[in-house]
């Protein structure tokens, strides 16, 4: 049996808004794999990269989610500005390591993710 990772589903209040944010940040197209306003998707099952699904849920996020995405960027400060221009925010948390920099960010609904700039 061959298993493969096809995507991540993110619970949210506004699927279209979050999909537009992530589509612009990752430069990946919006697709319509689900019908109706309760879903939005970036990518497809046939893409080489996993797709991101956004699913409307009624309850608000409470506390820190124990899973987050890492987004590789060429320039950490340019990446921070892009996130902020798209409606996200910097959390103020930054980690400098020998191999690179990690900056903790939040999308428009406060889902935490990391921008990562590796030093090559």
PDB file of N, CA and C in Angstrom:
ATOM      1  N   UNK A   1       0.839  -1.171   0.000  1.00  0.00           N
ATOM      2  CA  UNK A   1       0.000   0.000   0.000  1.00  0.00           C
ATOM      3  C   UNK A   1       0.891   1.242   0.000  1.00  0.00           C
ATOM      4  N   UNK A   2       0.633   2.141  -0.920  1.00  0.00           N
ATOM      5  CA  UNK A   2       1.402   3.386  -1.010  1.00  0.00           C
ATOM      6  C   UNK A   2       0.564   4.530  -0.446  1.00  0.00           C
ATOM      7  N   UNK A   3       1.052   5.154   0.607  1.00  0.00           N
ATOM      8  CA  UNK A   3       0.372   6.291   1.212  1.00  0.00           C
ATOM      9  C   UNK A   3       1.083   7.571   0.805  1.00  0.00           C
ATOM     10  N   UNK A   4       0.334   8.637   0.711  1.00  0.00           N
ATOM     11  CA  UNK A   4       0.948   9.918   0.386  1.00  0.00           C
ATOM     12  C   UNK A   4       0.186  11.035   1.087  1.00  0.00           C
ATOM     13  N   UNK A   5       0.894  12.094   1.395  1.00  0.00           N
ATOM     14  CA  UNK A   5       0.307  13.261   2.030  1.00  0.00           C
ATOM     15  C   UNK A   5      -0.275  14.140   0.941  1.00  0.00           C
ATOM     16  N   UNK A   6      -1.566  14.446   1.017  1.00  0.00           N
ATOM     17  CA  UNK A   6      -2.210  15.229  -0.035  1.00  0.00           C
ATOM     18  C   UNK A   6      -2.588  16.635   0.393  1.00  0.00           C
ATOM     19  N   UNK A   7      -2.607  16.907   1.704  1.00  0.00           N
ATOM     20  CA  UNK A   7      -2.975  18.258   2.094  1.00  0.00           C
ATOM     21  C   UNK A   7      -3.135  18.444   3.584  1.00  0.00           C
ATOM     22  N   UNK A   8      -3.470  19.678   3.936  1.00  0.00           N
ATOM     23  CA  UNK A   8      -3.751  20.086   5.304  1.00  0.00           C
ATOM     24  C   UNK A   8      -5.059  20.862   5.274  1.00  0.00           C
ATOM     25  N   UNK A   9      -5.938  20.593   6.237  1.00  0.00           N
ATOM     26  CA  UNK A   9      -7.185  21.329   6.351  1.00  0.00           C
ATOM     27  C   UNK A   9      -7.117  22.223   7.579  1.00  0.00           C
ATOM     28  N   UNK A  10      -7.438  23.505   7.383  1.00  0.00           N
ATOM     29  CA  UNK A  10      -7.365  24.489   8.447  1.00  0.00           C
ATOM     30  C   UNK A  10      -8.779  24.953   8.770  1.00  0.00           C
ATOM     31  N   UNK A  11      -9.186  24.783  10.023  1.00  0.00           N
ATOM     32  CA  UNK A  11     -10.488  25.272  10.474  1.00  0.00           C
ATOM     33  C   UNK A  11     -10.422  26.787  10.607  1.00  0.00           C
ATOM     34  N   UNK A  12     -11.499  27.479  10.203  1.00  0.00           N
ATOM     35  CA  UNK A  12     -11.482  28.938  10.242  1.00  0.00           C
ATOM     36  C   UNK A  12     -12.904  29.490  10.178  1.00  0.00           C
ATOM     37  N   UNK A  13     -13.016  30.800  10.362  1.00  0.00           N
ATOM     38  CA  UNK A  13     -14.308  31.476  10.274  1.00  0.00           C
ATOM     39  C   UNK A  13     -14.622  31.942   8.858  1.00  0.00           C
ATOM     40  N   UNK A  14     -13.587  32.282   8.075  1.00  0.00           N
ATOM     41  CA  UNK A  14     -13.784  32.851   6.740  1.00  0.00           C
ATOM     42  C   UNK A  14     -12.863  32.159   5.731  1.00  0.00           C
ATOM     43  N   UNK A  15     -13.295  31.030   5.164  1.00  0.00           N
ATOM     44  CA  UNK A  15     -12.435  30.274   4.252  1.00  0.00           C
ATOM     45  C   UNK A  15     -11.923  31.082   3.069  1.00  0.00           C
ATOM     46  N   UNK A  16     -12.752  31.908   2.457  1.00  0.00           N
ATOM     47  CA  UNK A  16     -12.318  32.674   1.281  1.00  0.00           C
ATOM     48  C   UNK A  16     -11.205  33.651   1.651  1.00  0.00           C
ATOM     49  N   UNK A  17     -11.340  34.332   2.763  1.00  0.00           N
ATOM     50  CA  UNK A  17     -10.329  35.306   3.192  1.00  0.00           C
ATOM     51  C   UNK A  17      -8.993  34.620   3.467  1.00  0.00           C
ATOM     52  N   UNK A  18      -9.036  33.510   4.208  1.00  0.00           N
ATOM     53  CA  UNK A  18      -7.780  32.823   4.516  1.00  0.00           C
ATOM     54  C   UNK A  18      -7.160  32.211   3.275  1.00  0.00           C
ATOM     55  N   UNK A  19      -7.969  31.652   2.399  1.00  0.00           N
ATOM     56  CA  UNK A  19      -7.427  31.081   1.164  1.00  0.00           C
ATOM     57  C   UNK A  19      -6.753  32.154   0.323  1.00  0.00           C
ATOM     58  N   UNK A  20      -7.346  33.346   0.256  1.00  0.00           N
ATOM     59  CA  UNK A  20      -6.732  34.436  -0.510  1.00  0.00           C
ATOM     60  C   UNK A  20      -5.394  34.843   0.105  1.00  0.00           C
ATOM     61  N   UNK A  21      -5.323  34.919   1.432  1.00  0.00           N
ATOM     62  CA  UNK A  21      -4.072  35.250   2.124  1.00  0.00           C
ATOM     63  C   UNK A  21      -2.991  34.233   1.790  1.00  0.00           C
ATOM     64  N   UNK A  22      -3.289  32.953   1.988  1.00  0.00           N
ATOM     65  CA  UNK A  22      -2.287  31.903   1.772  1.00  0.00           C
ATOM     66  C   UNK A  22      -1.939  31.737   0.297  1.00  0.00           C
ATOM     67  N   UNK A  23      -2.912  31.939  -0.588  1.00  0.00           N
ATOM     68  CA  UNK A  23      -2.646  31.871  -2.023  1.00  0.00           C
ATOM     69  C   UNK A  23      -1.624  32.921  -2.425  1.00  0.00           C
ATOM     70  N   UNK A  24      -1.795  34.147  -1.936  1.00  0.00           N
ATOM     71  CA  UNK A  24      -0.861  35.227  -2.258  1.00  0.00           C
ATOM     72  C   UNK A  24       0.500  34.986  -1.607  1.00  0.00           C
ATOM     73  N   UNK A  25       0.515  34.548  -0.350  1.00  0.00           N
ATOM     74  CA  UNK A  25       1.779  34.330   0.345  1.00  0.00           C
ATOM     75  C   UNK A  25       2.597  33.222  -0.304  1.00  0.00           C
ATOM     76  N   UNK A  26       1.944  32.149  -0.697  1.00  0.00           N
ATOM     77  CA  UNK A  26       2.648  30.993  -1.261  1.00  0.00           C
ATOM     78  C   UNK A  26       2.706  31.004  -2.784  1.00  0.00           C
ATOM     79  N   UNK A  27       2.084  31.981  -3.414  1.00  0.00           N
ATOM     80  CA  UNK A  27       2.038  32.077  -4.871  1.00  0.00           C
ATOM     81  C   UNK A  27       1.527  30.771  -5.483  1.00  0.00           C
ATOM     82  N   UNK A  28       0.397  30.312  -4.938  1.00  0.00           N
ATOM     83  CA  UNK A  28      -0.270  29.111  -5.440  1.00  0.00           C
ATOM     84  C   UNK A  28      -1.710  29.461  -5.768  1.00  0.00           C
ATOM     85  N   UNK A  29      -2.264  28.852  -6.807  1.00  0.00           N
ATOM     86  CA  UNK A  29      -3.614  29.226  -7.239  1.00  0.00           C
ATOM     87  C   UNK A  29      -4.719  28.731  -6.306  1.00  0.00           C
ATOM     88  N   UNK A  30      -5.766  29.544  -6.245  1.00  0.00           N
ATOM     89  CA  UNK A  30      -6.999  29.099  -5.603  1.00  0.00           C
ATOM     90  C   UNK A  30      -7.678  28.111  -6.535  1.00  0.00           C
ATOM     91  N   UNK A  31      -8.247  27.076  -5.989  1.00  0.00           N
ATOM     92  CA  UNK A  31      -9.014  26.111  -6.777  1.00  0.00           C
ATOM     93  C   UNK A  31     -10.352  25.900  -6.094  1.00  0.00           C
ATOM     94  N   UNK A  32     -11.282  25.297  -6.786  1.00  0.00           N
ATOM     95  CA  UNK A  32     -12.596  25.039  -6.209  1.00  0.00           C
ATOM     96  C   UNK A  32     -12.831  23.539  -6.196  1.00  0.00           C
ATOM     97  N   UNK A  33     -12.296  22.876  -5.186  1.00  0.00           N
ATOM     98  CA  UNK A  33     -12.497  21.430  -5.095  1.00  0.00           C
ATOM     99  C   UNK A  33     -13.719  21.071  -4.268  1.00  0.00           C
ATOM    100  N   UNK A  34     -14.251  22.027  -3.529  1.00  0.00           N
ATOM    101  CA  UNK A  34     -15.441  21.813  -2.713  1.00  0.00           C
ATOM    102  C   UNK A  34     -16.482  22.836  -3.129  1.00  0.00           C
ATOM    103  N   UNK A  35     -17.733  22.494  -2.983  1.00  0.00           N
ATOM    104  CA  UNK A  35     -18.819  23.402  -3.348  1.00  0.00           C
ATOM    105  C   UNK A  35     -19.250  24.229  -2.142  1.00  0.00           C
ATOM    106  N   UNK A  36     -19.571  25.485  -2.370  1.00  0.00           N
ATOM    107  CA  UNK A  36     -20.181  26.312  -1.350  1.00  0.00           C
ATOM    108  C   UNK A  36     -19.212  27.182  -0.586  1.00  0.00           C
ATOM    109  N   UNK A  37     -19.772  28.063   0.265  1.00  0.00           N
ATOM    110  CA  UNK A  37     -18.973  29.047   0.986  1.00  0.00           C
ATOM    111  C   UNK A  37     -18.240  28.496   2.210  1.00  0.00           C
ATOM    112  N   UNK A  38     -18.461  27.241   2.534  1.00  0.00           N
ATOM    113  CA  UNK A  38     -17.855  26.676   3.739  1.00  0.00           C
ATOM    114  C   UNK A  38     -16.474  26.082   3.489  1.00  0.00           C
ATOM    115  N   UNK A  39     -16.000  26.141   2.247  1.00  0.00           N
ATOM    116  CA  UNK A  39     -14.702  25.576   1.891  1.00  0.00           C
ATOM    117  C   UNK A  39     -13.978  26.477   0.899  1.00  0.00           C
ATOM    118  N   UNK A  40     -12.676  26.482   0.979  1.00  0.00           N
ATOM    119  CA  UNK A  40     -11.830  27.085  -0.053  1.00  0.00           C
ATOM    120  C   UNK A  40     -10.544  26.260  -0.104  1.00  0.00           C
ATOM    121  N   UNK A  41      -9.929  26.193  -1.269  1.00  0.00           N
ATOM    122  CA  UNK A  41      -8.762  25.328  -1.455  1.00  0.00           C
ATOM    123  C   UNK A  41      -7.693  26.024  -2.280  1.00  0.00           C
ATOM    124  N   UNK A  42      -6.460  25.759  -1.926  1.00  0.00           N
ATOM    125  CA  UNK A  42      -5.293  26.170  -2.705  1.00  0.00           C
ATOM    126  C   UNK A  42      -4.632  24.895  -3.194  1.00  0.00           C
ATOM    127  N   UNK A  43      -4.376  24.820  -4.485  1.00  0.00           N
ATOM    128  CA  UNK A  43      -3.779  23.616  -5.061  1.00  0.00           C
ATOM    129  C   UNK A  43      -4.839  22.557  -5.324  1.00  0.00           C
ATOM    130  N   UNK A  44      -4.382  21.396  -5.762  1.00  0.00           N
ATOM    131  CA  UNK A  44      -5.314  20.304  -6.046  1.00  0.00           C
ATOM    132  C   UNK A  44      -4.663  18.970  -5.701  1.00  0.00           C
ATOM    133  N   UNK A  45      -5.471  17.940  -5.756  1.00  0.00           N
ATOM    134  CA  UNK A  45      -4.954  16.588  -5.478  1.00  0.00           C
ATOM    135  C   UNK A  45      -3.869  16.185  -6.461  1.00  0.00           C
ATOM    136  N   UNK A  46      -3.834  16.801  -7.630  1.00  0.00           N
ATOM    137  CA  UNK A  46      -2.869  16.425  -8.665  1.00  0.00           C
ATOM    138  C   UNK A  46      -1.582  17.245  -8.629  1.00  0.00           C
ATOM    139  N   UNK A  47      -1.513  18.259  -7.766  1.00  0.00           N
ATOM    140  CA  UNK A  47      -0.304  19.074  -7.647  1.00  0.00           C
ATOM    141  C   UNK A  47       0.820  18.283  -6.976  1.00  0.00           C
ATOM    142  N   UNK A  48       2.071  18.623  -7.288  1.00  0.00           N
ATOM    143  CA  UNK A  48       3.189  17.968  -6.602  1.00  0.00           C
ATOM    144  C   UNK A  48       3.299  18.400  -5.135  1.00  0.00           C
ATOM    145  N   UNK A  49       2.782  19.592  -4.792  1.00  0.00           N
ATOM    146  CA  UNK A  49       2.775  20.056  -3.403  1.00  0.00           C
ATOM    147  C   UNK A  49       1.430  19.745  -2.768  1.00  0.00           C
ATOM    148  N   UNK A  50       1.396  19.496  -1.470  1.00  0.00           N
ATOM    149  CA  UNK A  50       0.104  19.270  -0.804  1.00  0.00           C
ATOM    150  C   UNK A  50      -0.787  20.501  -0.907  1.00  0.00           C
ATOM    151  N   UNK A  51      -2.081  20.273  -0.984  1.00  0.00           N
ATOM    152  CA  UNK A  51      -3.031  21.375  -1.056  1.00  0.00           C
ATOM    153  C   UNK A  51      -3.358  21.865   0.353  1.00  0.00           C
ATOM    154  N   UNK A  52      -3.865  23.083   0.428  1.00  0.00           N
ATOM    155  CA  UNK A  52      -4.375  23.631   1.673  1.00  0.00           C
ATOM    156  C   UNK A  52      -5.881  23.808   1.528  1.00  0.00           C
ATOM    157  N   UNK A  53      -6.625  23.212   2.439  1.00  0.00           N
ATOM    158  CA  UNK A  53      -8.077  23.357   2.482  1.00  0.00           C
ATOM    159  C   UNK A  53      -8.437  24.241   3.667  1.00  0.00           C
ATOM    160  N   UNK A  54      -9.437  25.079   3.489  1.00  0.00           N
ATOM    161  CA  UNK A  54      -9.920  25.941   4.556  1.00  0.00           C
ATOM    162  C   UNK A  54     -11.389  25.620   4.767  1.00  0.00           C
ATOM    163  N   UNK A  55     -11.721  25.206   5.971  1.00  0.00           N
ATOM    164  CA  UNK A  55     -13.062  24.725   6.296  1.00  0.00           C
ATOM    165  C   UNK A  55     -13.689  25.632   7.350  1.00  0.00           C
ATOM    166  N   UNK A  56     -14.883  26.136   7.047  1.00  0.00           N
ATOM    167  CA  UNK A  56     -15.594  26.986   8.012  1.00  0.00           C
ATOM    168  C   UNK A  56     -16.051  26.129   9.192  1.00  0.00           C
ATOM    169  N   UNK A  57     -15.783  26.640  10.401  1.00  0.00           N
ATOM    170  CA  UNK A  57     -16.269  26.019  11.626  1.00  0.00           C
ATOM    171  C   UNK A  57     -16.919  27.107  12.486  1.00  0.00           C
ATOM    172  N   UNK A  58     -17.904  26.750  13.307  1.00  0.00           N
ATOM    173  CA  UNK A  58     -18.609  27.773  14.082  1.00  0.00           C
ATOM    174  C   UNK A  58     -17.855  28.264  15.318  1.00  0.00           C
ATOM    175  N   UNK A  59     -17.024  27.431  15.896  1.00  0.00           N
ATOM    176  CA  UNK A  59     -16.369  27.819  17.136  1.00  0.00           C
ATOM    177  C   UNK A  59     -15.065  28.579  16.867  1.00  0.00           C
ATOM    178  N   UNK A  60     -14.734  29.561  17.714  1.00  0.00           N
ATOM    179  CA  UNK A  60     -13.487  30.312  17.541  1.00  0.00           C
ATOM    180  C   UNK A  60     -12.285  29.477  17.997  1.00  0.00           C
ATOM    181  N   UNK A  61     -11.138  29.835  17.492  1.00  0.00           N
ATOM    182  CA  UNK A  61      -9.902  29.182  17.920  1.00  0.00           C
ATOM    183  C   UNK A  61      -9.650  29.545  19.381  1.00  0.00           C
ATOM    184  N   UNK A  62      -9.252  28.549  20.156  1.00  0.00           N
ATOM    185  CA  UNK A  62      -8.927  28.795  21.557  1.00  0.00           C
ATOM    186  C   UNK A  62      -7.565  28.188  21.845  1.00  0.00           C
ATOM    187  N   UNK A  63      -6.646  29.005  22.297  1.00  0.00           N
ATOM    188  CA  UNK A  63      -5.323  28.508  22.636  1.00  0.00           C
ATOM    189  C   UNK A  63      -4.486  28.232  21.405  1.00  0.00           C
ATOM    190  N   UNK A  64      -3.276  27.795  21.654  1.00  0.00           N
ATOM    191  CA  UNK A  64      -2.329  27.522  20.577  1.00  0.00           C
ATOM    192  C   UNK A  64      -2.587  26.146  19.966  1.00  0.00           C
ATOM    193  N   UNK A  65      -2.644  26.106  18.659  1.00  0.00           N
ATOM    194  CA  UNK A  65      -2.757  24.850  17.942  1.00  0.00           C
ATOM    195  C   UNK A  65      -1.383  24.183  17.953  1.00  0.00           C
ATOM    196  N   UNK A  66      -1.325  22.892  18.103  1.00  0.00           N
ATOM    197  CA  UNK A  66      -0.047  22.201  18.244  1.00  0.00           C
ATOM    198  C   UNK A  66       0.532  21.739  16.914  1.00  0.00           C
ATOM    199  N   UNK A  67       0.126  22.375  15.848  1.00  0.00           N
ATOM    200  CA  UNK A  67       0.639  22.109  14.509  1.00  0.00           C
ATOM    201  C   UNK A  67       0.714  23.443  13.799  1.00  0.00           C
ATOM    202  N   UNK A  68       1.802  23.679  13.062  1.00  0.00           N
ATOM    203  CA  UNK A  68       1.883  24.913  12.291  1.00  0.00           C
ATOM    204  C   UNK A  68       2.682  24.667  11.020  1.00  0.00           C
ATOM    205  N   UNK A  69       2.516  25.578  10.063  1.00  0.00           N
ATOM    206  CA  UNK A  69       3.235  25.498   8.802  1.00  0.00           C
ATOM    207  C   UNK A  69       4.517  26.306   8.891  1.00  0.00           C
ATOM    208  N   UNK A  70       5.557  25.850   8.213  1.00  0.00           N
ATOM    209  CA  UNK A  70       6.794  26.606   8.039  1.00  0.00           C
ATOM    210  C   UNK A  70       6.861  27.052   6.587  1.00  0.00           C
ATOM    211  N   UNK A  71       7.128  28.323   6.366  1.00  0.00           N
ATOM    212  CA  UNK A  71       7.209  28.897   5.024  1.00  0.00           C
ATOM    213  C   UNK A  71       8.627  29.407   4.808  1.00  0.00           C
ATOM    214  N   UNK A  72       9.337  28.818   3.855  1.00  0.00           N
ATOM    215  CA  UNK A  72      10.705  29.238   3.561  1.00  0.00           C
ATOM    216  C   UNK A  72      10.691  30.530   2.762  1.00  0.00           C
ATOM    217  N   UNK A  73      11.522  31.487   3.184  1.00  0.00           N
ATOM    218  CA  UNK A  73      11.650  32.769   2.485  1.00  0.00           C
ATOM    219  C   UNK A  73      13.128  33.034   2.220  1.00  0.00           C
ATOM    220  N   UNK A  74      13.391  33.856   1.206  1.00  0.00           N
ATOM    221  CA  UNK A  74      14.770  34.235   0.899  1.00  0.00           C
ATOM    222  C   UNK A  74      15.272  35.334   1.828  1.00  0.00           C
ATOM    223  N   UNK A  75      14.360  36.195   2.289  1.00  0.00           N
ATOM    224  CA  UNK A  75      14.714  37.328   3.138  1.00  0.00           C
ATOM    225  C   UNK A  75      13.660  37.445   4.237  1.00  0.00           C
ATOM    226  N   UNK A  76      14.062  37.264   5.481  1.00  0.00           N
ATOM    227  CA  UNK A  76      13.109  37.213   6.592  1.00  0.00           C
ATOM    228  C   UNK A  76      12.335  38.516   6.754  1.00  0.00           C
ATOM    229  N   UNK A  77      12.990  39.665   6.594  1.00  0.00           N
ATOM    230  CA  UNK A  77      12.301  40.949   6.761  1.00  0.00           C
ATOM    231  C   UNK A  77      11.344  41.227   5.602  1.00  0.00           C
ATOM    232  N   UNK A  78      11.737  40.865   4.390  1.00  0.00           N
ATOM    233  CA  UNK A  78      10.828  41.010   3.250  1.00  0.00           C
ATOM    234  C   UNK A  78       9.626  40.085   3.428  1.00  0.00           C
ATOM    235  N   UNK A  79       9.849  38.883   3.940  1.00  0.00           N
ATOM    236  CA  UNK A  79       8.753  37.954   4.211  1.00  0.00           C
ATOM    237  C   UNK A  79       7.801  38.507   5.260  1.00  0.00           C
ATOM    238  N   UNK A  80       8.343  39.097   6.327  1.00  0.00           N
ATOM    239  CA  UNK A  80       7.514  39.706   7.372  1.00  0.00           C
ATOM    240  C   UNK A  80       6.644  40.813   6.783  1.00  0.00           C
ATOM    241  N   UNK A  81       7.248  41.674   5.971  1.00  0.00           N
ATOM    242  CA  UNK A  81       6.481  42.770   5.355  1.00  0.00           C
ATOM    243  C   UNK A  81       5.371  42.227   4.456  1.00  0.00           C
ATOM    244  N   UNK A  82       5.667  41.177   3.705  1.00  0.00           N
ATOM    245  CA  UNK A  82       4.654  40.588   2.830  1.00  0.00           C
ATOM    246  C   UNK A  82       3.480  40.055   3.651  1.00  0.00           C
ATOM    247  N   UNK A  83       3.771  39.341   4.719  1.00  0.00           N
ATOM    248  CA  UNK A  83       2.704  38.813   5.576  1.00  0.00           C
ATOM    249  C   UNK A  83       1.847  39.956   6.116  1.00  0.00           C
ATOM    250  N   UNK A  84       2.486  41.011   6.593  1.00  0.00           N
ATOM    251  CA  UNK A  84       1.749  42.146   7.139  1.00  0.00           C
ATOM    252  C   UNK A  84       0.939  42.860   6.057  1.00  0.00           C
ATOM    253  N   UNK A  85       1.484  42.996   4.864  1.00  0.00           N
ATOM    254  CA  UNK A  85       0.757  43.626   3.752  1.00  0.00           C
ATOM    255  C   UNK A  85      -0.473  42.813   3.362  1.00  0.00           C
ATOM    256  N   UNK A  86      -0.411  41.497   3.563  1.00  0.00           N
ATOM    257  CA  UNK A  86      -1.528  40.611   3.211  1.00  0.00           C
ATOM    258  C   UNK A  86      -2.560  40.490   4.330  1.00  0.00           C
ATOM    259  N   UNK A  87      -2.303  41.135   5.471  1.00  0.00           N
ATOM    260  CA  UNK A  87      -3.275  41.109   6.567  1.00  0.00           C
ATOM    261  C   UNK A  87      -2.878  40.246   7.740  1.00  0.00           C
ATOM    262  N   UNK A  88      -1.702  39.627   7.692  1.00  0.00           N
ATOM    263  CA  UNK A  88      -1.204  38.859   8.830  1.00  0.00           C
ATOM    264  C   UNK A  88      -0.408  39.766   9.750  1.00  0.00           C
ATOM    265  N   UNK A  89       0.249  39.154  10.745  1.00  0.00           N
ATOM    266  CA  UNK A  89       1.023  39.967  11.683  1.00  0.00           C
ATOM    267  C   UNK A  89       2.208  39.177  12.224  1.00  0.00           C
ATOM    268  N   UNK A  90       3.204  39.928  12.658  1.00  0.00           N
ATOM    269  CA  UNK A  90       4.338  39.340  13.370  1.00  0.00           C
ATOM    270  C   UNK A  90       3.949  39.202  14.834  1.00  0.00           C
ATOM    271  N   UNK A  91       4.327  38.101  15.469  1.00  0.00           N
ATOM    272  CA  UNK A  91       4.005  37.903  16.886  1.00  0.00           C
ATOM    273  C   UNK A  91       5.050  38.534  17.797  1.00  0.00           C
ATOM    274  N   UNK A  92       6.193  38.908  17.236  1.00  0.00           N
ATOM    275  CA  UNK A  92       7.288  39.431  18.038  1.00  0.00           C
ATOM    276  C   UNK A  92       8.283  38.361  18.448  1.00  0.00           C
ATOM    277  N   UNK A  93       7.986  37.120  18.122  1.00  0.00           N
ATOM    278  CA  UNK A  93       8.885  36.012  18.471  1.00  0.00           C
ATOM    279  C   UNK A  93       9.816  35.720  17.293  1.00  0.00           C
ATOM    280  N   UNK A  94      11.110  35.720  17.575  1.00  0.00           N
ATOM    281  CA  UNK A  94      12.128  35.473  16.551  1.00  0.00           C
ATOM    282  C   UNK A  94      13.226  34.615  17.176  1.00  0.00           C
ATOM    283  N   UNK A  95      13.717  33.668  16.379  1.00  0.00           N
ATOM    284  CA  UNK A  95      14.789  32.788  16.844  1.00  0.00           C
ATOM    285  C   UNK A  95      15.911  32.821  15.818  1.00  0.00           C
ATOM    286  N   UNK A  96      17.107  33.156  16.256  1.00  0.00           N
ATOM    287  CA  UNK A  96      18.287  33.182  15.400  1.00  0.00           C
ATOM    288  C   UNK A  96      19.147  31.964  15.710  1.00  0.00           C
ATOM    289  N   UNK A  97      19.370  31.150  14.703  1.00  0.00           N
ATOM    290  CA  UNK A  97      20.162  29.926  14.844  1.00  0.00           C
ATOM    291  C   UNK A  97      21.349  29.995  13.898  1.00  0.00           C
ATOM    292  N   UNK A  98      22.300  29.108  14.075  1.00  0.00           N
ATOM    293  CA  UNK A  98      23.447  29.054  13.170  1.00  0.00           C
ATOM    294  C   UNK A  98      23.010  28.796  11.733  1.00  0.00           C
ATOM    295  N   UNK A  99      21.963  27.977  11.544  1.00  0.00           N
ATOM    296  CA  UNK A  99      21.541  27.608  10.189  1.00  0.00           C
ATOM    297  C   UNK A  99      20.512  28.555   9.588  1.00  0.00           C
ATOM    298  N   UNK A 100      19.978  29.494  10.386  1.00  0.00           N
ATOM    299  CA  UNK A 100      19.012  30.420   9.829  1.00  0.00           C
ATOM    300  C   UNK A 100      18.200  31.142  10.879  1.00  0.00           C
ATOM    301  N   UNK A 101      17.139  31.785  10.419  1.00  0.00           N
ATOM    302  CA  UNK A 101      16.265  32.596  11.270  1.00  0.00           C
ATOM    303  C   UNK A 101      14.846  32.070  11.157  1.00  0.00           C
ATOM    304  N   UNK A 102      14.154  32.029  12.281  1.00  0.00           N
ATOM    305  CA  UNK A 102      12.743  31.655  12.324  1.00  0.00           C
ATOM    306  C   UNK A 102      11.984  32.811  12.958  1.00  0.00           C
ATOM    307  N   UNK A 103      10.939  33.284  12.260  1.00  0.00           N
ATOM    308  CA  UNK A 103      10.103  34.352  12.785  1.00  0.00           C
ATOM    309  C   UNK A 103       8.669  33.821  12.860  1.00  0.00           C
ATOM    310  N   UNK A 104       8.080  33.913  14.040  1.00  0.00           N
ATOM    311  CA  UNK A 104       6.726  33.415  14.250  1.00  0.00           C
ATOM    312  C   UNK A 104       5.738  34.489  13.825  1.00  0.00           C
ATOM    313  N   UNK A 105       4.812  34.099  12.952  1.00  0.00           N
ATOM    314  CA  UNK A 105       3.824  34.997  12.371  1.00  0.00           C
ATOM    315  C   UNK A 105       2.425  34.462  12.671  1.00  0.00           C
ATOM    316  N   UNK A 106       1.407  35.264  12.337  1.00  0.00           N
ATOM    317  CA  UNK A 106       0.018  34.820  12.451  1.00  0.00           C
ATOM    318  C   UNK A 106      -0.740  35.285  11.212  1.00  0.00           C
ATOM    319  N   UNK A 107      -1.622  34.431  10.701  1.00  0.00           N
ATOM    320  CA  UNK A 107      -2.437  34.810   9.547  1.00  0.00           C
ATOM    321  C   UNK A 107      -3.604  35.681  10.019  1.00  0.00           C
ATOM    322  N   UNK A 108      -4.491  36.116   9.134  1.00  0.00           N
ATOM    323  CA  UNK A 108      -5.568  37.023   9.535  1.00  0.00           C
ATOM    324  C   UNK A 108      -6.523  36.477  10.604  1.00  0.00           C
ATOM    325  N   UNK A 109      -6.550  35.172  10.813  1.00  0.00           N
ATOM    326  CA  UNK A 109      -7.387  34.608  11.874  1.00  0.00           C
ATOM    327  C   UNK A 109      -6.551  34.112  13.051  1.00  0.00           C
ATOM    328  N   UNK A 110      -5.311  34.546  13.119  1.00  0.00           N
ATOM    329  CA  UNK A 110      -4.392  34.233  14.217  1.00  0.00           C
ATOM    330  C   UNK A 110      -3.899  32.793  14.245  1.00  0.00           C
ATOM    331  N   UNK A 111      -3.935  32.086  13.111  1.00  0.00           N
ATOM    332  CA  UNK A 111      -3.257  30.793  13.032  1.00  0.00           C
ATOM    333  C   UNK A 111      -1.760  31.090  12.968  1.00  0.00           C
ATOM    334  N   UNK A 112      -1.005  30.518  13.869  1.00  0.00           N
ATOM    335  CA  UNK A 112       0.429  30.771  13.939  1.00  0.00           C
ATOM    336  C   UNK A 112       1.158  29.938  12.893  1.00  0.00           C
ATOM    337  N   UNK A 113       2.172  30.535  12.257  1.00  0.00           N
ATOM    338  CA  UNK A 113       3.053  29.826  11.338  1.00  0.00           C
ATOM    339  C   UNK A 113       4.424  30.472  11.419  1.00  0.00           C
ATOM    340  N   UNK A 114       5.417  29.839  10.835  1.00  0.00           N
ATOM    341  CA  UNK A 114       6.773  30.370  10.896  1.00  0.00           C
ATOM    342  C   UNK A 114       7.296  30.712   9.517  1.00  0.00           C
ATOM    343  N   UNK A 115       7.954  31.867   9.433  1.00  0.00           N
ATOM    344  CA  UNK A 115       8.778  32.169   8.273  1.00  0.00           C
ATOM    345  C   UNK A 115      10.180  31.686   8.613  1.00  0.00           C
ATOM    346  N   UNK A 116      10.824  31.028   7.671  1.00  0.00           N
ATOM    347  CA  UNK A 116      12.144  30.470   7.907  1.00  0.00           C
ATOM    348  C   UNK A 116      13.073  30.930   6.784  1.00  0.00           C
ATOM    349  N   UNK A 117      14.181  31.545   7.169  1.00  0.00           N
ATOM    350  CA  UNK A 117      15.237  31.901   6.212  1.00  0.00           C
ATOM    351  C   UNK A 117      16.458  31.063   6.579  1.00  0.00           C
ATOM    352  N   UNK A 118      16.824  30.171   5.679  1.00  0.00           N
ATOM    353  CA  UNK A 118      18.003  29.332   5.909  1.00  0.00           C
ATOM    354  C   UNK A 118      19.240  30.041   5.364  1.00  0.00           C
ATOM    355  N   UNK A 119      20.353  29.915   6.080  1.00  0.00           N
ATOM    356  CA  UNK A 119      21.623  30.417   5.582  1.00  0.00           C
ATOM    357  C   UNK A 119      22.294  29.284   4.829  1.00  0.00           C
ATOM    358  N   UNK A 120      22.568  29.490   3.563  1.00  0.00           N
ATOM    359  CA  UNK A 120      23.180  28.421   2.749  1.00  0.00           C
ATOM    360  C   UNK A 120      24.668  28.511   2.750  1.00  0.00           C
TER     361      UNK A 120
END
